[in-house]
Amino acid sequence: DEQADQLLGMTDVLAERLRKLGEGSLRSIGHISHLQNVTDDDDAIEEADEMLRHLMNDNKGFTARMRAAHEVCAHHNDVATTSLLEVFIDETERRTWFLFETLASSREESNS
């Protein structure tokens, strides 16, 4: 729940930033599906470790995309957006680390 709240908060802040710059933001579910980078996971039942692994890998990909966006913003001297992205990258790396450690603990418990 905490991670979902973080992601929603990031989305809202970035959407506001886009509007401040005179750009549009996401308009509909269809628009989101057209732009999405994370694939839907429609498995009815998934083991907890597999779910955590998917989340960890999704966060790694998210970090890579934010780093690429950071480079574009830095190239255009958009200090405000680069600053936001730096905070979001740190938060995403923290989530990735948390998921990695949770998976490692789970494996240790399984081997005991």
N, C-alpha and C. Protein backbone atom coordinates (compact mmCIF):
# COMPACT_ATOMS: atom_id res chain seq x y z
N ASP A 1 0.83 -1.20 0.00
CA ASP A 1 0.00 0.00 0.00
C ASP A 1 0.87 1.26 0.00
N GLU A 2 1.94 1.22 0.80
CA GLU A 2 2.84 2.37 0.87
C GLU A 2 3.47 2.65 -0.49
N GLN A 3 3.87 1.58 -1.18
CA GLN A 3 4.48 1.75 -2.50
C GLN A 3 3.47 2.30 -3.50
N ALA A 4 2.27 1.82 -3.45
CA ALA A 4 1.23 2.32 -4.36
C ALA A 4 0.97 3.80 -4.10
N ASP A 5 0.95 4.19 -2.82
CA ASP A 5 0.76 5.60 -2.47
C ASP A 5 1.90 6.46 -3.02
N GLN A 6 3.14 5.94 -2.94
CA GLN A 6 4.28 6.68 -3.47
C GLN A 6 4.14 6.88 -4.97
N LEU A 7 3.76 5.82 -5.67
CA LEU A 7 3.63 5.91 -7.13
C LEU A 7 2.52 6.88 -7.54
N LEU A 8 1.41 6.83 -6.84
CA LEU A 8 0.33 7.77 -7.15
C LEU A 8 0.76 9.21 -6.88
N GLY A 9 1.49 9.41 -5.80
CA GLY A 9 1.99 10.74 -5.49
C GLY A 9 2.95 11.25 -6.56
N MET A 10 3.81 10.37 -7.04
CA MET A 10 4.76 10.75 -8.09
C MET A 10 4.02 11.15 -9.36
N THR A 11 3.01 10.37 -9.70
CA THR A 11 2.24 10.64 -10.91
C THR A 11 1.58 12.00 -10.84
N ASP A 12 1.01 12.31 -9.69
CA ASP A 12 0.32 13.59 -9.51
C ASP A 12 1.31 14.75 -9.64
N VAL A 13 2.47 14.64 -8.99
CA VAL A 13 3.47 15.70 -9.03
C VAL A 13 3.97 15.92 -10.46
N LEU A 14 4.23 14.84 -11.18
CA LEU A 14 4.72 14.97 -12.55
C LEU A 14 3.64 15.53 -13.48
N ALA A 15 2.40 15.14 -13.27
CA ALA A 15 1.31 15.70 -14.08
C ALA A 15 1.19 17.20 -13.84
N GLU A 16 1.30 17.63 -12.59
CA GLU A 16 1.26 19.06 -12.29
C GLU A 16 2.43 19.79 -12.95
N ARG A 17 3.60 19.15 -12.92
CA ARG A 17 4.78 19.76 -13.55
C ARG A 17 4.55 19.94 -15.05
N LEU A 18 4.01 18.93 -15.70
CA LEU A 18 3.73 19.03 -17.13
C LEU A 18 2.78 20.19 -17.41
N ARG A 19 1.76 20.32 -16.61
CA ARG A 19 0.80 21.41 -16.83
C ARG A 19 1.43 22.78 -16.60
N LYS A 20 2.33 22.88 -15.61
CA LYS A 20 3.04 24.14 -15.39
C LYS A 20 3.85 24.52 -16.62
N LEU A 21 4.35 23.51 -17.33
CA LEU A 21 5.17 23.75 -18.52
C LEU A 21 4.31 23.93 -19.77
N GLY A 22 2.99 23.89 -19.60
CA GLY A 22 2.09 24.08 -20.73
C GLY A 22 1.87 22.83 -21.56
N GLU A 23 2.22 21.69 -21.02
CA GLU A 23 2.04 20.42 -21.72
C GLU A 23 0.81 19.69 -21.19
N GLY A 24 0.34 18.71 -21.94
CA GLY A 24 -0.77 17.89 -21.50
C GLY A 24 -0.28 16.72 -20.67
N SER A 25 -1.19 16.10 -19.97
CA SER A 25 -0.86 14.90 -19.20
C SER A 25 -1.80 13.78 -19.64
N LEU A 26 -1.78 12.68 -18.93
CA LEU A 26 -2.61 11.54 -19.28
C LEU A 26 -4.08 11.94 -19.31
N ARG A 27 -4.79 11.42 -20.30
CA ARG A 27 -6.18 11.84 -20.49
C ARG A 27 -7.20 10.74 -20.23
N SER A 28 -6.79 9.49 -20.38
CA SER A 28 -7.76 8.41 -20.26
C SER A 28 -7.04 7.08 -20.03
N ILE A 29 -7.81 6.06 -19.71
CA ILE A 29 -7.25 4.72 -19.56
C ILE A 29 -6.63 4.27 -20.88
N GLY A 30 -7.29 4.57 -21.99
CA GLY A 30 -6.75 4.21 -23.30
C GLY A 30 -5.41 4.89 -23.57
N HIS A 31 -5.30 6.15 -23.18
CA HIS A 31 -4.04 6.88 -23.34
C HIS A 31 -2.95 6.23 -22.50
N ILE A 32 -3.29 5.86 -21.28
CA ILE A 32 -2.34 5.19 -20.39
C ILE A 32 -1.89 3.87 -21.02
N SER A 33 -2.81 3.07 -21.53
CA SER A 33 -2.44 1.77 -22.09
C SER A 33 -1.57 1.93 -23.33
N HIS A 34 -1.77 3.02 -24.07
CA HIS A 34 -0.95 3.29 -25.25
C HIS A 34 0.50 3.61 -24.86
N LEU A 35 0.68 4.26 -23.72
CA LEU A 35 2.00 4.72 -23.29
C LEU A 35 2.70 3.79 -22.30
N GLN A 36 1.98 2.84 -21.74
CA GLN A 36 2.53 2.06 -20.64
C GLN A 36 3.77 1.28 -21.03
N ASN A 37 4.70 1.20 -20.07
CA ASN A 37 5.93 0.43 -20.22
C ASN A 37 5.92 -0.84 -19.38
N VAL A 38 5.11 -0.86 -18.34
CA VAL A 38 5.00 -2.03 -17.47
C VAL A 38 3.86 -2.88 -17.99
N THR A 39 4.14 -4.15 -18.25
CA THR A 39 3.10 -5.02 -18.78
C THR A 39 2.12 -5.42 -17.68
N ASP A 40 0.88 -5.62 -18.06
CA ASP A 40 -0.13 -6.06 -17.12
C ASP A 40 0.17 -7.49 -16.68
N ASP A 41 -0.10 -7.77 -15.43
CA ASP A 41 0.07 -9.12 -14.89
C ASP A 41 -1.33 -9.65 -14.61
N ASP A 42 -1.85 -10.44 -15.53
CA ASP A 42 -3.22 -10.92 -15.42
C ASP A 42 -3.32 -12.33 -14.86
N ASP A 43 -2.23 -12.86 -14.28
CA ASP A 43 -2.28 -14.19 -13.69
C ASP A 43 -3.28 -14.19 -12.53
N ALA A 44 -4.15 -15.19 -12.53
CA ALA A 44 -5.17 -15.28 -11.48
C ALA A 44 -4.54 -15.55 -10.12
N ILE A 45 -3.56 -16.45 -10.09
CA ILE A 45 -2.90 -16.81 -8.84
C ILE A 45 -1.40 -16.76 -9.08
N GLU A 46 -0.72 -16.07 -8.20
CA GLU A 46 0.73 -15.95 -8.34
C GLU A 46 1.36 -16.12 -6.96
N GLU A 47 2.43 -16.88 -6.92
CA GLU A 47 3.15 -17.06 -5.67
C GLU A 47 3.68 -15.70 -5.20
N ALA A 48 3.75 -15.52 -3.89
CA ALA A 48 4.19 -14.24 -3.33
C ALA A 48 5.59 -13.86 -3.82
N ASP A 49 6.52 -14.83 -3.84
CA ASP A 49 7.87 -14.51 -4.29
C ASP A 49 7.89 -14.06 -5.74
N GLU A 50 7.08 -14.67 -6.57
CA GLU A 50 7.03 -14.28 -7.98
C GLU A 50 6.44 -12.88 -8.13
N MET A 51 5.44 -12.58 -7.35
CA MET A 51 4.85 -11.25 -7.38
C MET A 51 5.88 -10.20 -6.96
N LEU A 52 6.63 -10.48 -5.90
CA LEU A 52 7.67 -9.56 -5.44
C LEU A 52 8.76 -9.39 -6.49
N ARG A 53 9.13 -10.48 -7.16
CA ARG A 53 10.15 -10.43 -8.21
C ARG A 53 9.68 -9.54 -9.36
N HIS A 54 8.41 -9.70 -9.76
CA HIS A 54 7.86 -8.83 -10.82
C HIS A 54 7.91 -7.36 -10.40
N LEU A 55 7.48 -7.08 -9.18
CA LEU A 55 7.50 -5.70 -8.69
C LEU A 55 8.92 -5.14 -8.66
N MET A 56 9.88 -5.96 -8.22
CA MET A 56 11.27 -5.51 -8.16
C MET A 56 11.77 -5.18 -9.57
N ASN A 57 11.50 -6.06 -10.52
CA ASN A 57 11.96 -5.82 -11.89
C ASN A 57 11.25 -4.63 -12.53
N ASP A 58 9.97 -4.45 -12.23
CA ASP A 58 9.25 -3.28 -12.73
C ASP A 58 9.87 -1.99 -12.18
N ASN A 59 10.25 -2.01 -10.91
CA ASN A 59 10.89 -0.83 -10.31
C ASN A 59 12.26 -0.57 -10.93
N LYS A 60 13.01 -1.62 -11.24
CA LYS A 60 14.31 -1.44 -11.91
C LYS A 60 14.12 -0.77 -13.27
N GLY A 61 13.13 -1.23 -14.02
CA GLY A 61 12.85 -0.62 -15.32
C GLY A 61 12.40 0.82 -15.18
N PHE A 62 11.61 1.09 -14.17
CA PHE A 62 11.12 2.44 -13.90
C PHE A 62 12.30 3.38 -13.60
N THR A 63 13.26 2.88 -12.81
CA THR A 63 14.45 3.68 -12.51
C THR A 63 15.20 4.01 -13.79
N ALA A 64 15.37 3.03 -14.66
CA ALA A 64 16.09 3.26 -15.92
C ALA A 64 15.38 4.32 -16.77
N ARG A 65 14.06 4.25 -16.84
CA ARG A 65 13.32 5.23 -17.64
C ARG A 65 13.39 6.63 -17.01
N MET A 66 13.36 6.70 -15.68
CA MET A 66 13.48 8.01 -15.04
C MET A 66 14.87 8.59 -15.24
N ARG A 67 15.89 7.75 -15.23
CA ARG A 67 17.25 8.24 -15.48
C ARG A 67 17.35 8.81 -16.90
N ALA A 68 16.74 8.14 -17.86
CA ALA A 68 16.74 8.64 -19.23
C ALA A 68 16.01 9.97 -19.32
N ALA A 69 14.87 10.09 -18.63
CA ALA A 69 14.13 11.34 -18.61
C ALA A 69 14.95 12.44 -17.94
N HIS A 70 15.67 12.08 -16.88
CA HIS A 70 16.52 13.03 -16.18
C HIS A 70 17.57 13.61 -17.13
N GLU A 71 18.17 12.77 -17.96
CA GLU A 71 19.16 13.24 -18.92
C GLU A 71 18.56 14.25 -19.89
N VAL A 72 17.35 13.97 -20.37
CA VAL A 72 16.68 14.89 -21.29
C VAL A 72 16.42 16.23 -20.60
N CYS A 73 15.90 16.16 -19.38
CA CYS A 73 15.59 17.38 -18.64
C CYS A 73 16.87 18.18 -18.34
N ALA A 74 17.93 17.50 -17.96
CA ALA A 74 19.20 18.18 -17.69
C ALA A 74 19.73 18.84 -18.96
N HIS A 75 19.61 18.16 -20.08
CA HIS A 75 20.07 18.70 -21.36
C HIS A 75 19.34 20.01 -21.69
N HIS A 76 18.08 20.10 -21.28
CA HIS A 76 17.27 21.29 -21.55
C HIS A 76 17.24 22.27 -20.37
N ASN A 77 18.13 22.06 -19.41
CA ASN A 77 18.25 22.94 -18.24
C ASN A 77 16.95 23.07 -17.45
N ASP A 78 16.17 22.01 -17.40
CA ASP A 78 14.93 22.00 -16.61
C ASP A 78 15.27 21.51 -15.21
N VAL A 79 15.78 22.44 -14.41
CA VAL A 79 16.27 22.11 -13.07
C VAL A 79 15.15 21.56 -12.18
N ALA A 80 13.98 22.13 -12.27
CA ALA A 80 12.88 21.71 -11.40
C ALA A 80 12.51 20.25 -11.64
N THR A 81 12.39 19.87 -12.91
CA THR A 81 12.02 18.49 -13.21
C THR A 81 13.15 17.53 -12.87
N THR A 82 14.40 17.92 -13.14
CA THR A 82 15.51 17.03 -12.78
C THR A 82 15.54 16.82 -11.28
N SER A 83 15.24 17.85 -10.52
CA SER A 83 15.22 17.74 -9.06
C SER A 83 14.13 16.77 -8.61
N LEU A 84 12.94 16.89 -9.19
CA LEU A 84 11.86 15.95 -8.86
C LEU A 84 12.28 14.52 -9.19
N LEU A 85 12.85 14.35 -10.37
CA LEU A 85 13.24 13.00 -10.79
C LEU A 85 14.31 12.41 -9.89
N GLU A 86 15.22 13.24 -9.40
CA GLU A 86 16.25 12.73 -8.49
C GLU A 86 15.63 12.14 -7.23
N VAL A 87 14.63 12.82 -6.70
CA VAL A 87 13.94 12.31 -5.51
C VAL A 87 13.20 11.03 -5.85
N PHE A 88 12.52 11.02 -6.99
CA PHE A 88 11.75 9.83 -7.40
C PHE A 88 12.66 8.65 -7.69
N ILE A 89 13.82 8.89 -8.27
CA ILE A 89 14.78 7.82 -8.52
C ILE A 89 15.23 7.22 -7.20
N ASP A 90 15.52 8.07 -6.23
CA ASP A 90 15.94 7.58 -4.92
C ASP A 90 14.84 6.73 -4.28
N GLU A 91 13.60 7.20 -4.34
CA GLU A 91 12.48 6.45 -3.77
C GLU A 91 12.31 5.10 -4.48
N THR A 92 12.47 5.10 -5.79
CA THR A 92 12.30 3.86 -6.55
C THR A 92 13.43 2.88 -6.26
N GLU A 93 14.65 3.40 -6.13
CA GLU A 93 15.77 2.53 -5.75
C GLU A 93 15.55 1.95 -4.36
N ARG A 94 14.96 2.73 -3.46
CA ARG A 94 14.65 2.23 -2.11
C ARG A 94 13.62 1.12 -2.18
N ARG A 95 12.58 1.29 -3.02
CA ARG A 95 11.58 0.23 -3.18
C ARG A 95 12.22 -1.03 -3.75
N THR A 96 13.08 -0.86 -4.74
CA THR A 96 13.75 -2.00 -5.36
C THR A 96 14.58 -2.75 -4.32
N TRP A 97 15.33 -2.00 -3.53
CA TRP A 97 16.15 -2.61 -2.49
C TRP A 97 15.27 -3.35 -1.48
N PHE A 98 14.18 -2.72 -1.06
CA PHE A 98 13.27 -3.34 -0.10
C PHE A 98 12.73 -4.66 -0.65
N LEU A 99 12.32 -4.66 -1.91
CA LEU A 99 11.80 -5.88 -2.53
C LEU A 99 12.88 -6.95 -2.63
N PHE A 100 14.09 -6.55 -3.00
CA PHE A 100 15.21 -7.49 -3.07
C PHE A 100 15.47 -8.14 -1.72
N GLU A 101 15.53 -7.32 -0.67
CA GLU A 101 15.78 -7.84 0.68
C GLU A 101 14.63 -8.74 1.15
N THR A 102 13.41 -8.39 0.80
CA THR A 102 12.27 -9.22 1.17
C THR A 102 12.37 -10.58 0.49
N LEU A 103 12.74 -10.59 -0.78
CA LEU A 103 12.92 -11.85 -1.50
C LEU A 103 14.06 -12.68 -0.89
N ALA A 104 15.15 -12.02 -0.55
CA ALA A 104 16.30 -12.73 0.04
C ALA A 104 15.90 -13.35 1.38
N SER A 105 15.15 -12.61 2.19
CA SER A 105 14.69 -13.14 3.48
C SER A 105 13.76 -14.32 3.28
N SER A 106 12.92 -14.23 2.27
CA SER A 106 11.97 -15.31 1.97
C SER A 106 12.72 -16.58 1.57
N ARG A 107 13.76 -16.40 0.75
CA ARG A 107 14.57 -17.57 0.33
C ARG A 107 15.29 -18.19 1.53
N GLU A 108 15.81 -17.35 2.42
CA GLU A 108 16.48 -17.87 3.61
C GLU A 108 15.52 -18.66 4.48
N GLU A 109 14.31 -18.16 4.64
CA GLU A 109 13.31 -18.86 5.44
C GLU A 109 12.94 -20.19 4.79
N SER A 110 12.87 -20.23 3.46
CA SER A 110 12.52 -21.46 2.75
C SER A 110 13.61 -22.51 2.89
N ASN A 111 14.86 -22.05 2.96
CA ASN A 111 15.99 -22.97 3.07
C ASN A 111 16.22 -23.45 4.48
N SER A 112 15.55 -22.85 5.46
CA SER A 112 15.75 -23.23 6.86
C SER A 112 14.96 -24.45 7.23
